[in-house]
Amino acid sequence: MEKLFPISINPQLCIRCQKCSYSCPTKAIFFRDSLRFVDFNKCQGCLKCVDVCEHNAIEVISLKEGELIDFRIDTETCNLCKECFEFCFKHLFLLHQNPGSGKEFVIFNKQNMKECKNCLKCVISCSKRAIVPIITARNNKRSS
């Protein structure tokens, strides 16, 4: 089963503090023979484990299948902190204003998608998890 956020736990960096497993809402992270593993059938890609790991033992690995084509900003979750402007070194996030209401919102500059390095740092760094990657699966299109 394809996952948007496959993660890997580096056993050299993991000190087995269990913060990742406690933070995982689906209990996808577990111990076996004193090592941590991820059940990708349970993992929902929330990346809470990455946030709580103080030793950088949990890494997001690249998308295995499909192609990253865009990012959707969840306007209900986004608090306009504008951190995405800082952590995207390609400056692909923009602040827009609704002409009718004057309400501001963040968008991803899809026209410059070729500049995106698919590092997913924006997804990992967004404190509100408001940035959602959209990928196409092989032979058909699918969004997250």
Protein backbone atom coordinates (compact mmCIF):
# COMPACT_ATOMS: atom_id res chain seq x y z
CA MET A 1 0.00 0.00 0.00
CA GLU A 2 1.42 3.38 -1.01
CA LYS A 3 2.05 5.94 1.71
CA LEU A 4 2.64 9.63 1.23
CA PHE A 5 4.95 9.92 4.22
CA PRO A 6 7.05 6.79 4.50
CA ILE A 7 9.28 7.16 7.53
CA SER A 8 12.41 5.39 8.60
CA ILE A 9 13.76 5.02 12.12
CA ASN A 10 17.54 5.14 12.30
CA PRO A 11 18.62 2.60 14.97
CA GLN A 12 21.95 4.40 15.45
CA LEU A 13 20.15 7.58 16.54
CA CYS A 14 17.18 6.07 18.36
CA ILE A 15 17.66 5.98 22.14
CA ARG A 16 14.37 4.08 22.65
CA CYS A 17 12.80 6.86 24.71
CA GLN A 18 9.37 5.84 23.34
CA LYS A 19 8.22 9.42 22.71
CA CYS A 20 7.44 8.51 19.11
CA SER A 21 5.24 5.57 20.03
CA TYR A 22 3.41 7.61 22.68
CA SER A 23 2.78 10.41 20.18
CA CYS A 24 1.48 8.10 17.44
CA PRO A 25 -2.34 8.23 17.45
CA THR A 26 -2.64 4.94 15.52
CA LYS A 27 0.12 3.10 17.44
CA ALA A 28 1.96 2.38 14.19
CA ILE A 29 5.40 2.53 15.87
CA PHE A 30 6.40 -0.49 17.93
CA PHE A 31 9.39 -2.29 19.48
CA ARG A 32 10.79 -5.62 18.31
CA ASP A 33 14.08 -6.98 19.65
CA SER A 34 14.79 -3.55 21.21
CA LEU A 35 14.46 -1.80 17.83
CA ARG A 36 11.65 0.48 16.62
CA PHE A 37 9.54 -0.43 13.59
CA VAL A 38 6.67 1.17 11.71
CA ASP A 39 3.50 -0.62 10.67
CA PHE A 40 2.73 1.22 7.41
CA ASN A 41 -0.77 -0.27 7.36
CA LYS A 42 -1.52 1.79 10.48
CA CYS A 43 0.65 4.87 9.78
CA GLN A 44 -1.45 7.83 8.62
CA GLY A 45 1.49 10.11 7.88
CA CYS A 46 0.70 12.66 10.61
CA LEU A 47 4.46 12.97 11.37
CA LYS A 48 3.87 13.57 15.09
CA CYS A 49 6.68 11.10 15.68
CA VAL A 50 9.08 13.32 13.74
CA ASP A 51 8.08 16.32 15.85
CA VAL A 52 8.73 14.64 19.19
CA CYS A 53 11.99 12.88 18.30
CA GLU A 54 14.71 15.03 19.85
CA HIS A 55 17.47 12.88 18.35
CA ASN A 56 16.39 13.12 14.69
CA ALA A 57 16.12 9.35 14.55
CA ILE A 58 12.92 9.45 12.48
CA GLU A 59 13.33 10.59 8.91
CA VAL A 60 10.81 11.14 6.16
CA ILE A 61 12.02 9.31 3.11
CA SER A 62 11.16 10.32 -0.44
CA LEU A 63 7.88 9.48 -2.10
CA LYS A 64 8.12 5.90 -3.34
CA GLU A 65 5.39 5.94 -5.96
CA GLY A 66 3.87 8.66 -8.04
CA GLU A 67 4.92 12.22 -8.64
CA LEU A 68 4.47 15.23 -6.39
CA ILE A 69 2.37 17.69 -8.40
CA ASP A 70 1.13 20.28 -5.92
CA PHE A 71 0.50 21.17 -2.28
CA ARG A 72 -2.89 22.01 -0.84
CA ILE A 73 -3.05 24.42 2.09
CA ASP A 74 -5.79 23.54 4.57
CA THR A 75 -7.21 27.01 5.19
CA GLU A 76 -9.18 25.76 8.19
CA THR A 77 -5.98 24.66 9.92
CA CYS A 78 -3.52 27.31 8.67
CA ASN A 79 -3.08 30.13 11.18
CA LEU A 80 -1.15 32.41 8.78
CA CYS A 81 2.05 32.14 10.82
CA LYS A 82 3.94 32.47 7.50
CA GLU A 83 6.65 30.04 8.62
CA CYS A 84 6.28 28.28 5.27
CA PHE A 85 7.70 31.41 3.65
CA GLU A 86 10.86 30.92 5.72
CA PHE A 87 11.40 27.16 5.45
CA CYS A 88 10.83 26.95 1.69
CA PHE A 89 14.13 28.20 0.31
CA LYS A 90 12.61 28.26 -3.19
CA HIS A 91 9.93 30.76 -2.04
CA LEU A 92 7.05 28.72 -3.43
CA PHE A 93 4.49 29.75 -0.82
CA LEU A 94 2.62 33.00 -1.37
CA LEU A 95 0.21 35.12 0.62
CA HIS A 96 -2.97 35.97 -1.28
CA GLN A 97 -5.95 38.08 -0.40
CA ASN A 98 -9.56 37.43 -1.32
CA PRO A 99 -10.63 40.60 -3.19
CA GLY A 100 -14.21 40.37 -1.91
CA SER A 101 -13.64 39.68 1.77
CA GLY A 102 -10.08 40.91 2.17
CA LYS A 103 -9.26 37.67 3.99
CA GLU A 104 -5.65 36.53 3.57
CA PHE A 105 -4.63 32.95 2.84
CA VAL A 106 -1.50 31.02 1.85
CA ILE A 107 -1.17 29.27 -1.50
CA PHE A 108 1.51 27.15 -3.12
CA ASN A 109 2.87 28.54 -6.40
CA LYS A 110 2.14 25.51 -8.59
CA GLN A 111 3.38 27.31 -11.71
CA ASN A 112 6.90 26.95 -10.30
CA MET A 113 6.48 23.31 -9.22
CA LYS A 114 9.62 22.40 -11.19
CA GLU A 115 11.58 24.46 -8.62
CA CYS A 116 10.32 22.27 -5.76
CA LYS A 117 12.99 19.79 -4.64
CA ASN A 118 10.44 17.37 -3.09
CA CYS A 119 12.21 17.63 0.25
CA LEU A 120 8.84 17.79 2.08
CA LYS A 121 10.40 20.11 4.65
CA CYS A 122 7.31 22.29 4.33
CA VAL A 123 5.08 19.38 5.37
CA ILE A 124 7.32 18.43 8.27
CA SER A 125 7.91 22.00 9.47
CA CYS A 126 4.33 23.26 9.40
CA SER A 127 3.34 23.38 13.08
CA LYS A 128 -0.37 23.11 12.18
CA ARG A 129 0.07 20.35 9.55
CA ALA A 130 -1.81 22.57 7.11
CA ILE A 131 0.38 21.73 4.10
CA VAL A 132 -0.80 18.59 2.30
CA PRO A 133 1.17 17.12 -0.64
CA ILE A 134 -0.77 16.03 -3.73
CA ILE A 135 0.70 13.25 -5.83
CA THR A 136 -0.27 11.35 -8.94
CA ALA A 137 -0.11 7.60 -8.73
CA ARG A 138 1.27 5.65 -11.65
CA ASN A 139 -1.25 5.31 -14.50
CA ASN A 140 -3.89 7.40 -12.76
CA LYS A 141 -4.17 10.64 -10.84
CA ARG A 142 -4.83 10.71 -7.14
CA SER A 143 -4.66 13.38 -4.47
CA SER A 144 -4.00 12.97 -0.81
